[in-house]
Amino acid sequence: MKSLRSISRGVRSFAVAIAVGLSVAACAGSAPDDSSEGAGAAGTVVGTWGDTARSMPHLILASDGTLTGNDGCNNISATFAVDGTTITFDPFSTTLKACFGVDTWLSAGHAAEVDGDEMIVTNVDGVQIGTLTRA
């Protein structure tokens, strides 16, 4: 018969393994789909969009489907997917600094379209909220 202590240790180990597995699954993003041609293809969206100077909105899209950036006040990170010419952002994780007088429009970004050297950013309702120029 197993002791209560060894059963408890086994349950704890199992719980930790489940928690680690769920954390890894939650962090996994979908890499951009680079099978499509045109302005929305993953190779065309990867790079820096906007001005990376302090207090300026910008996004940096990586080839692994992750993005980082700043909304002019708070740091942003997320994953993204490319479908044709549409870039869809997963919900942004952001810092929560208070910056008075700063328009943090980019933090409401949900999707974007690339038109030449401009990224047109829209909110969850599909309304254009701003543009970022390729750096």
C-alpha atoms as a PDB file:
ATOM      1  CA  MET A   1       0.000   0.000   0.000  1.00  0.00           C
ATOM      2  CA  LYS A   2       1.370   3.439  -0.953  1.00  0.00           C
ATOM      3  CA  SER A   3       1.769   6.054   1.687  1.00  0.00           C
ATOM      4  CA  LEU A   4      -0.326   9.205   1.609  1.00  0.00           C
ATOM      5  CA  ARG A   5       2.864  11.222   1.135  1.00  0.00           C
ATOM      6  CA  SER A   6       3.871   9.385  -2.086  1.00  0.00           C
ATOM      7  CA  ILE A   7       0.328   9.691  -3.488  1.00  0.00           C
ATOM      8  CA  SER A   8       0.336  13.408  -2.696  1.00  0.00           C
ATOM      9  CA  ARG A   9       3.733  13.792  -4.405  1.00  0.00           C
ATOM     10  CA  GLY A  10       2.428  11.995  -7.495  1.00  0.00           C
ATOM     11  CA  VAL A  11      -0.687  14.171  -7.675  1.00  0.00           C
ATOM     12  CA  ARG A  12       1.456  17.300  -7.302  1.00  0.00           C
ATOM     13  CA  SER A  13       3.812  16.167 -10.067  1.00  0.00           C
ATOM     14  CA  PHE A  14       0.862  15.434 -12.347  1.00  0.00           C
ATOM     15  CA  ALA A  15      -0.675  18.864 -11.614  1.00  0.00           C
ATOM     16  CA  VAL A  16       2.629  20.608 -12.385  1.00  0.00           C
ATOM     17  CA  ALA A  17       2.968  18.682 -15.658  1.00  0.00           C
ATOM     18  CA  ILE A  18      -0.566  19.679 -16.679  1.00  0.00           C
ATOM     19  CA  ALA A  19       0.056  23.341 -15.756  1.00  0.00           C
ATOM     20  CA  VAL A  20       3.298  23.446 -17.769  1.00  0.00           C
ATOM     21  CA  GLY A  21       1.588  21.816 -20.749  1.00  0.00           C
ATOM     22  CA  LEU A  22      -1.275  24.308 -20.659  1.00  0.00           C
ATOM     23  CA  SER A  23       1.143  27.230 -20.373  1.00  0.00           C
ATOM     24  CA  VAL A  24       3.130  26.065 -23.378  1.00  0.00           C
ATOM     25  CA  ALA A  25      -0.050  25.540 -25.398  1.00  0.00           C
ATOM     26  CA  ALA A  26      -1.340  29.003 -24.468  1.00  0.00           C
ATOM     27  CA  CYS A  27       1.914  30.648 -25.572  1.00  0.00           C
ATOM     28  CA  ALA A  28       2.035  28.870 -28.913  1.00  0.00           C
ATOM     29  CA  GLY A  29       1.066  31.148 -31.782  1.00  0.00           C
ATOM     30  CA  SER A  30       0.230  30.309 -35.314  1.00  0.00           C
ATOM     31  CA  ALA A  31       3.009  31.185 -37.703  1.00  0.00           C
ATOM     32  CA  PRO A  32       2.036  33.403 -40.585  1.00  0.00           C
ATOM     33  CA  ASP A  33       0.771  31.664 -43.691  1.00  0.00           C
ATOM     34  CA  ASP A  34       3.336  32.409 -46.359  1.00  0.00           C
ATOM     35  CA  SER A  35       1.670  30.275 -49.006  1.00  0.00           C
ATOM     36  CA  SER A  36      -0.304  33.172 -50.469  1.00  0.00           C
ATOM     37  CA  GLU A  37       1.006  35.699 -52.952  1.00  0.00           C
ATOM     38  CA  GLY A  38       0.647  39.475 -52.859  1.00  0.00           C
ATOM     39  CA  ALA A  39       0.770  42.254 -50.296  1.00  0.00           C
ATOM     40  CA  GLY A  40      -0.489  40.108 -47.423  1.00  0.00           C
ATOM     41  CA  ALA A  41       1.989  37.269 -47.796  1.00  0.00           C
ATOM     42  CA  ALA A  42       3.991  36.654 -44.619  1.00  0.00           C
ATOM     43  CA  GLY A  43       7.293  37.657 -46.202  1.00  0.00           C
ATOM     44  CA  THR A  44       5.856  41.062 -47.063  1.00  0.00           C
ATOM     45  CA  VAL A  45       4.438  41.856 -43.620  1.00  0.00           C
ATOM     46  CA  VAL A  46       7.481  40.809 -41.597  1.00  0.00           C
ATOM     47  CA  GLY A  47       9.455  43.799 -40.400  1.00  0.00           C
ATOM     48  CA  THR A  48       9.080  47.068 -38.548  1.00  0.00           C
ATOM     49  CA  TRP A  49       6.005  49.235 -39.050  1.00  0.00           C
ATOM     50  CA  GLY A  50       5.895  52.742 -37.604  1.00  0.00           C
ATOM     51  CA  ASP A  51       8.445  54.902 -35.852  1.00  0.00           C
ATOM     52  CA  THR A  52      10.365  53.112 -33.089  1.00  0.00           C
ATOM     53  CA  ALA A  53      11.305  56.398 -31.403  1.00  0.00           C
ATOM     54  CA  ARG A  54      10.143  56.814 -27.812  1.00  0.00           C
ATOM     55  CA  SER A  55       6.389  57.447 -27.475  1.00  0.00           C
ATOM     56  CA  MET A  56       5.633  56.545 -31.093  1.00  0.00           C
ATOM     57  CA  PRO A  57       3.288  53.700 -32.112  1.00  0.00           C
ATOM     58  CA  HIS A  58       4.958  50.826 -33.919  1.00  0.00           C
ATOM     59  CA  LEU A  59       4.819  47.073 -34.481  1.00  0.00           C
ATOM     60  CA  ILE A  60       7.625  44.642 -35.241  1.00  0.00           C
ATOM     61  CA  LEU A  61       6.289  41.496 -36.946  1.00  0.00           C
ATOM     62  CA  ALA A  62       8.585  38.458 -36.876  1.00  0.00           C
ATOM     63  CA  SER A  63       8.625  35.534 -39.294  1.00  0.00           C
ATOM     64  CA  ASP A  64       7.630  33.143 -36.476  1.00  0.00           C
ATOM     65  CA  GLY A  65       4.213  34.824 -36.142  1.00  0.00           C
ATOM     66  CA  THR A  66       5.001  36.918 -33.076  1.00  0.00           C
ATOM     67  CA  LEU A  67       4.840  40.668 -32.786  1.00  0.00           C
ATOM     68  CA  THR A  68       6.143  43.258 -30.373  1.00  0.00           C
ATOM     69  CA  GLY A  69       5.774  46.992 -30.324  1.00  0.00           C
ATOM     70  CA  ASN A  70       4.469  50.020 -28.498  1.00  0.00           C
ATOM     71  CA  ASP A  71       1.184  51.951 -28.664  1.00  0.00           C
ATOM     72  CA  GLY A  72       2.932  55.227 -27.862  1.00  0.00           C
ATOM     73  CA  CYS A  73       2.836  54.507 -24.142  1.00  0.00           C
ATOM     74  CA  ASN A  74       2.625  50.774 -23.403  1.00  0.00           C
ATOM     75  CA  ASN A  75       4.605  47.851 -24.769  1.00  0.00           C
ATOM     76  CA  ILE A  76       2.611  45.379 -26.876  1.00  0.00           C
ATOM     77  CA  SER A  77       3.161  41.699 -27.631  1.00  0.00           C
ATOM     78  CA  ALA A  78       0.999  39.102 -29.361  1.00  0.00           C
ATOM     79  CA  THR A  79       0.892  36.632 -32.203  1.00  0.00           C
ATOM     80  CA  PHE A  80      -0.528  37.213 -35.662  1.00  0.00           C
ATOM     81  CA  ALA A  81      -1.719  35.272 -38.669  1.00  0.00           C
ATOM     82  CA  VAL A  82      -1.762  36.194 -42.355  1.00  0.00           C
ATOM     83  CA  ASP A  83      -4.636  35.119 -44.596  1.00  0.00           C
ATOM     84  CA  GLY A  84      -4.301  36.497 -48.094  1.00  0.00           C
ATOM     85  CA  THR A  85      -3.987  40.247 -47.640  1.00  0.00           C
ATOM     86  CA  THR A  86      -5.385  40.346 -44.091  1.00  0.00           C
ATOM     87  CA  ILE A  87      -3.236  40.275 -40.970  1.00  0.00           C
ATOM     88  CA  THR A  88      -5.178  39.264 -37.856  1.00  0.00           C
ATOM     89  CA  PHE A  89      -3.708  40.063 -34.454  1.00  0.00           C
ATOM     90  CA  ASP A  90      -4.404  37.872 -31.458  1.00  0.00           C
ATOM     91  CA  PRO A  91      -5.382  39.947 -28.399  1.00  0.00           C
ATOM     92  CA  PHE A  92      -2.500  42.182 -27.368  1.00  0.00           C
ATOM     93  CA  SER A  93      -0.733  41.746 -24.055  1.00  0.00           C
ATOM     94  CA  THR A  94       0.285  45.199 -22.884  1.00  0.00           C
ATOM     95  CA  THR A  95       1.940  46.962 -20.023  1.00  0.00           C
ATOM     96  CA  LEU A  96      -0.384  49.282 -18.110  1.00  0.00           C
ATOM     97  CA  LYS A  97       1.507  52.560 -17.754  1.00  0.00           C
ATOM     98  CA  ALA A  98      -0.495  55.777 -17.494  1.00  0.00           C
ATOM     99  CA  CYS A  99       0.583  58.239 -20.168  1.00  0.00           C
ATOM    100  CA  PHE A 100      -1.483  61.387 -20.113  1.00  0.00           C
ATOM    101  CA  GLY A 101      -2.039  63.114 -23.430  1.00  0.00           C
ATOM    102  CA  VAL A 102      -0.917  60.107 -25.505  1.00  0.00           C
ATOM    103  CA  ASP A 103      -3.298  58.624 -28.074  1.00  0.00           C
ATOM    104  CA  THR A 104      -2.890  54.856 -27.618  1.00  0.00           C
ATOM    105  CA  TRP A 105      -5.000  53.968 -30.680  1.00  0.00           C
ATOM    106  CA  LEU A 106      -2.775  51.040 -31.658  1.00  0.00           C
ATOM    107  CA  SER A 107      -3.695  49.055 -28.536  1.00  0.00           C
ATOM    108  CA  ALA A 108      -7.213  48.666 -30.034  1.00  0.00           C
ATOM    109  CA  GLY A 109      -5.778  47.004 -33.162  1.00  0.00           C
ATOM    110  CA  HIS A 110      -7.418  43.756 -34.229  1.00  0.00           C
ATOM    111  CA  ALA A 111      -6.430  43.374 -37.890  1.00  0.00           C
ATOM    112  CA  ALA A 112      -4.566  45.137 -40.683  1.00  0.00           C
ATOM    113  CA  GLU A 113      -4.112  45.288 -44.436  1.00  0.00           C
ATOM    114  CA  VAL A 114      -0.845  46.174 -46.140  1.00  0.00           C
ATOM    115  CA  ASP A 115      -1.001  48.602 -49.054  1.00  0.00           C
ATOM    116  CA  GLY A 116       2.498  49.181 -50.375  1.00  0.00           C
ATOM    117  CA  ASP A 117       4.505  50.645 -47.496  1.00  0.00           C
ATOM    118  CA  GLU A 118       1.465  51.357 -45.320  1.00  0.00           C
ATOM    119  CA  MET A 119      -0.211  49.082 -42.806  1.00  0.00           C
ATOM    120  CA  ILE A 120      -3.849  50.090 -42.327  1.00  0.00           C
ATOM    121  CA  VAL A 121      -4.903  49.032 -38.812  1.00  0.00           C
ATOM    122  CA  THR A 122      -8.543  48.321 -37.931  1.00  0.00           C
ATOM    123  CA  ASN A 123     -10.323  47.640 -34.651  1.00  0.00           C
ATOM    124  CA  VAL A 124     -12.548  44.656 -33.829  1.00  0.00           C
ATOM    125  CA  ASP A 125     -15.461  46.347 -35.672  1.00  0.00           C
ATOM    126  CA  GLY A 126     -13.396  46.671 -38.860  1.00  0.00           C
ATOM    127  CA  VAL A 127     -13.113  50.462 -38.509  1.00  0.00           C
ATOM    128  CA  GLN A 128      -9.785  51.995 -39.556  1.00  0.00           C
ATOM    129  CA  ILE A 129      -8.073  53.403 -36.474  1.00  0.00           C
ATOM    130  CA  GLY A 130      -4.686  54.352 -37.920  1.00  0.00           C
ATOM    131  CA  THR A 131      -1.817  53.577 -40.242  1.00  0.00           C
ATOM    132  CA  LEU A 132       1.796  52.594 -39.765  1.00  0.00           C
ATOM    133  CA  THR A 133       4.494  53.176 -42.380  1.00  0.00           C
ATOM    134  CA  ARG A 134       7.108  50.514 -43.091  1.00  0.00           C
ATOM    135  CA  ALA A 135      10.360  51.510 -41.391  1.00  0.00           C
END
